[in-house]
């Protein structure tokens, strides 16, 4: 019997992130149109959107969170509880691990975002499970090349992600891998993963600016569920 292949986008945002535009309905539609049949919802400093999408999506959803720490962003995957922003880096990592989650480092060498860089990576190196070696929103290919080199040297699995903040970005970068069950099964499946890498056009960052502006100026907020 053939093993089912998943097309997984491991870093995505709904409009529960203050700089994202994707409503739940548009999120599901975009994934179905592009053959994405597994996602990690990693909204900024909240798992509210992930909890909602877990109920709405007709495919598996990994509860995640992109967490702002004092040293830069990390992503917690397979979470049960929200991790508050603003914690010391090591404490945020410990809270992810305490609930059986995995630590993924997003866009580690992108100078234009809240990235850990090499110094931050080395502070938590034994706890890092996954590194984004291709982030479709990185402005310069050099940031991805540096991440690939670092991950290879340290023997840490690398992944390709869309980091989608708008519907059109979903699935631009993803990984294809065997079906898995839980965090350990995911790490084992990564050994057979194929990375799909497609850069997002620069104008996608304007969508994030508009999303942030409509909240700050017009007071827009997602509907409560």
Protein backbone atom coordinates (compact mmCIF):
# COMPACT_ATOMS: atom_id res chain seq x y z
CA UNK A 1 0.00 0.00 0.00
CA UNK A 2 1.48 3.36 -1.03
CA UNK A 3 2.32 5.87 1.69
CA UNK A 4 0.26 9.02 1.39
CA UNK A 5 2.29 12.09 0.49
CA UNK A 6 1.53 15.33 2.27
CA UNK A 7 2.15 18.78 0.84
CA UNK A 8 2.82 20.72 4.02
CA UNK A 9 3.14 24.48 4.38
CA UNK A 10 4.83 24.77 7.77
CA UNK A 11 4.69 28.53 8.35
CA UNK A 12 1.43 30.34 7.58
CA UNK A 13 -0.63 33.20 9.00
CA UNK A 14 -4.33 33.95 9.21
CA UNK A 15 -5.79 37.37 9.92
CA UNK A 16 -5.34 36.61 13.61
CA UNK A 17 -1.81 37.88 12.96
CA UNK A 18 -1.86 41.69 13.01
CA UNK A 19 0.08 41.88 9.72
CA UNK A 20 -1.89 39.25 7.78
CA UNK A 21 -5.00 39.39 5.60
CA UNK A 22 -6.13 35.77 5.14
CA UNK A 23 -9.61 34.98 6.44
CA UNK A 24 -10.43 31.37 7.42
CA UNK A 25 -12.55 30.78 4.31
CA UNK A 26 -9.96 32.14 1.91
CA UNK A 27 -7.26 30.15 3.70
CA UNK A 28 -9.05 26.83 3.15
CA UNK A 29 -9.93 27.66 -0.45
CA UNK A 30 -6.36 28.63 -1.36
CA UNK A 31 -4.93 25.46 0.17
CA UNK A 32 -7.39 23.23 -1.66
CA UNK A 33 -6.70 24.99 -4.96
CA UNK A 34 -2.93 24.47 -4.58
CA UNK A 35 -2.95 20.92 -3.31
CA UNK A 36 -1.81 21.83 0.21
CA UNK A 37 -3.21 19.08 2.42
CA UNK A 38 -1.47 19.82 5.72
CA UNK A 39 -0.58 23.16 7.33
CA UNK A 40 0.97 24.66 10.41
CA UNK A 41 -0.85 27.81 11.47
CA UNK A 42 1.79 30.00 13.09
CA UNK A 43 0.17 33.34 13.85
CA UNK A 44 2.14 35.97 15.71
CA UNK A 45 1.94 35.48 19.49
CA UNK A 46 -1.40 33.67 19.45
CA UNK A 47 -2.87 30.24 18.74
CA UNK A 48 -6.45 31.53 18.39
CA UNK A 49 -6.37 31.33 14.60
CA UNK A 50 -4.79 27.89 14.69
CA UNK A 51 -7.50 26.60 17.03
CA UNK A 52 -10.19 27.92 14.70
CA UNK A 53 -8.57 26.48 11.59
CA UNK A 54 -8.15 23.11 13.29
CA UNK A 55 -11.96 22.93 13.36
CA UNK A 56 -12.52 24.32 9.85
CA UNK A 57 -9.84 22.71 7.68
CA UNK A 58 -10.66 19.41 5.92
CA UNK A 59 -7.00 18.40 6.32
CA UNK A 60 -4.54 18.13 9.24
CA UNK A 61 -3.57 21.33 11.06
CA UNK A 62 -0.50 21.68 13.29
CA UNK A 63 -1.08 24.17 16.09
CA UNK A 64 1.82 26.61 15.96
CA UNK A 65 2.81 30.09 17.03
CA UNK A 66 5.44 32.56 15.88
CA UNK A 67 6.70 33.84 19.20
CA UNK A 68 8.50 37.15 19.69
CA UNK A 69 11.33 36.78 22.21
CA UNK A 70 13.89 39.21 23.54
CA UNK A 71 16.37 37.96 20.93
CA UNK A 72 14.18 37.40 17.87
CA UNK A 73 11.38 35.16 16.63
CA UNK A 74 11.00 31.43 17.13
CA UNK A 75 8.18 29.15 16.01
CA UNK A 76 6.62 26.59 18.31
CA UNK A 77 4.96 23.63 16.58
CA UNK A 78 2.55 21.00 17.98
CA UNK A 79 1.51 23.31 20.79
CA UNK A 80 -1.26 22.83 23.32
CA UNK A 81 -0.90 26.20 25.04
CA UNK A 82 -0.02 29.71 23.91
CA UNK A 83 3.44 31.05 24.74
CA UNK A 84 3.39 34.76 25.67
CA UNK A 85 5.57 37.20 23.70
CA UNK A 86 8.49 39.12 25.14
CA UNK A 87 10.04 36.32 27.17
CA UNK A 88 13.77 35.67 27.28
CA UNK A 89 14.70 33.40 24.38
CA UNK A 90 15.62 30.42 26.54
CA UNK A 91 12.40 30.66 28.55
CA UNK A 92 10.24 30.75 25.44
CA UNK A 93 12.04 27.66 24.11
CA UNK A 94 11.57 25.89 27.44
CA UNK A 95 7.82 26.59 27.37
CA UNK A 96 7.53 25.08 23.90
CA UNK A 97 9.48 21.99 24.94
CA UNK A 98 7.54 21.60 28.21
CA UNK A 99 4.35 20.92 26.26
CA UNK A 100 5.96 18.42 23.90
CA UNK A 101 6.35 20.92 21.06
CA UNK A 102 9.09 21.40 18.51
CA UNK A 103 11.21 24.53 18.04
CA UNK A 104 11.60 25.85 14.49
CA UNK A 105 13.76 28.89 13.76
CA UNK A 106 12.12 31.15 11.14
CA UNK A 107 14.07 33.26 8.62
CA UNK A 108 17.17 33.07 10.89
CA UNK A 109 19.44 35.31 8.80
CA UNK A 110 16.95 37.78 7.30
CA UNK A 111 18.24 41.21 8.34
CA UNK A 112 14.90 42.89 7.56
CA UNK A 113 12.89 40.97 10.16
CA UNK A 114 13.03 40.03 13.83
CA UNK A 115 15.47 37.16 13.26
CA UNK A 116 17.73 35.34 15.72
CA UNK A 117 20.90 35.44 13.65
CA UNK A 118 23.82 33.18 14.43
CA UNK A 119 24.25 34.45 17.98
CA UNK A 120 20.66 33.66 18.92
CA UNK A 121 20.76 30.31 17.16
CA UNK A 122 23.81 29.23 19.12
CA UNK A 123 22.18 30.19 22.42
CA UNK A 124 19.49 27.56 21.91
CA UNK A 125 21.23 25.19 19.49
CA UNK A 126 20.63 21.92 21.42
CA UNK A 127 16.88 22.67 21.49
CA UNK A 128 16.45 23.56 17.79
CA UNK A 129 14.52 20.90 15.89
CA UNK A 130 14.05 22.56 12.49
CA UNK A 131 15.48 25.56 10.63
CA UNK A 132 13.82 27.40 7.77
CA UNK A 133 16.38 27.07 5.00
CA UNK A 134 14.02 28.65 2.46
CA UNK A 135 11.49 31.30 3.43
CA UNK A 136 9.56 32.60 0.43
CA UNK A 137 9.34 36.07 1.98
CA UNK A 138 13.08 36.55 2.46
CA UNK A 139 14.13 39.61 0.48
CA UNK A 140 17.59 38.28 -0.39
CA UNK A 141 18.57 34.73 -1.48
CA UNK A 142 21.72 35.09 0.61
CA UNK A 143 19.67 34.77 3.80
CA UNK A 144 18.45 31.35 2.65
CA UNK A 145 21.91 30.26 1.56
CA UNK A 146 23.32 31.16 4.98
CA UNK A 147 20.53 29.21 6.70
CA UNK A 148 21.14 26.15 4.49
CA UNK A 149 24.85 26.24 5.27
CA UNK A 150 24.30 26.61 9.01
CA UNK A 151 21.69 23.83 9.16
CA UNK A 152 23.90 21.45 7.19
CA UNK A 153 26.90 22.10 9.46
CA UNK A 154 24.84 21.47 12.58
CA UNK A 155 22.94 18.47 11.20
CA UNK A 156 19.55 20.14 11.72
CA UNK A 157 16.71 19.46 9.24
CA UNK A 158 15.89 22.33 6.90
CA UNK A 159 12.46 23.16 5.50
CA UNK A 160 10.91 25.43 2.86
CA UNK A 161 7.96 27.59 3.94
CA UNK A 162 5.73 30.22 2.40
CA UNK A 163 5.37 32.40 5.53
CA UNK A 164 2.11 33.38 3.84
CA UNK A 165 0.36 36.51 5.10
CA UNK A 166 -2.12 36.69 2.21
CA UNK A 167 -4.12 34.02 0.31
CA UNK A 168 -2.01 34.19 -2.85
CA UNK A 169 1.15 33.25 -0.97
CA UNK A 170 -0.10 29.97 0.48
CA UNK A 171 1.81 26.99 -0.85
CA UNK A 172 4.41 28.99 -2.79
CA UNK A 173 7.01 27.10 -0.79
CA UNK A 174 6.29 23.86 1.02
CA UNK A 175 7.59 20.39 1.76
CA UNK A 176 6.39 17.06 0.40
CA UNK A 177 6.78 14.21 2.85
CA UNK A 178 5.15 10.98 4.02
CA UNK A 179 2.15 11.13 6.34
CA UNK A 180 3.12 11.32 10.00
CA UNK A 181 1.62 11.30 13.46
CA UNK A 182 2.79 13.78 16.07
CA UNK A 183 6.08 15.62 16.62
CA UNK A 184 8.39 12.61 16.55
CA UNK A 185 6.68 11.18 13.49
CA UNK A 186 7.08 14.55 11.78
CA UNK A 187 10.83 14.63 12.47
CA UNK A 188 11.19 11.10 11.11
CA UNK A 189 9.19 11.97 7.99
CA UNK A 190 11.45 14.98 7.37
CA UNK A 191 14.25 12.56 6.47
CA UNK A 192 12.28 11.79 3.27
CA UNK A 193 11.07 15.32 2.57
CA UNK A 194 11.36 17.15 -0.74
CA UNK A 195 11.53 20.93 -0.57
CA UNK A 196 9.48 23.03 -3.00
CA UNK A 197 11.04 26.49 -3.21
CA UNK A 198 9.38 29.43 -4.97
CA UNK A 199 10.10 33.04 -4.01
CA UNK A 200 7.20 35.38 -3.28
CA UNK A 201 7.21 38.67 -5.21
CA UNK A 202 8.42 41.69 -3.20
CA UNK A 203 5.02 43.38 -3.25
CA UNK A 204 3.60 40.84 -0.76
CA UNK A 205 5.17 42.91 2.01
CA UNK A 206 2.76 45.71 1.08
CA UNK A 207 -0.12 43.41 2.05
CA UNK A 208 1.35 43.13 5.54
CA UNK A 209 1.69 46.89 5.81
CA UNK A 210 -1.94 47.34 4.79
CA UNK A 211 -3.09 44.70 7.29
CA UNK A 212 -1.22 46.45 10.10
CA UNK A 213 -2.50 49.86 8.98
CA UNK A 214 -6.16 48.85 8.92
CA UNK A 215 -5.87 47.66 12.52
CA UNK A 216 -3.95 50.64 13.80
CA UNK A 217 -5.87 53.38 11.95
CA UNK A 218 -9.30 51.87 11.30
CA UNK A 219 -9.54 49.60 14.33
CA UNK A 220 -10.22 46.42 12.33
CA UNK A 221 -10.20 43.17 14.30
CA UNK A 222 -11.08 39.56 13.34
CA UNK A 223 -14.47 38.31 14.43
CA UNK A 224 -14.57 36.65 17.82
CA UNK A 225 -15.28 32.90 17.74
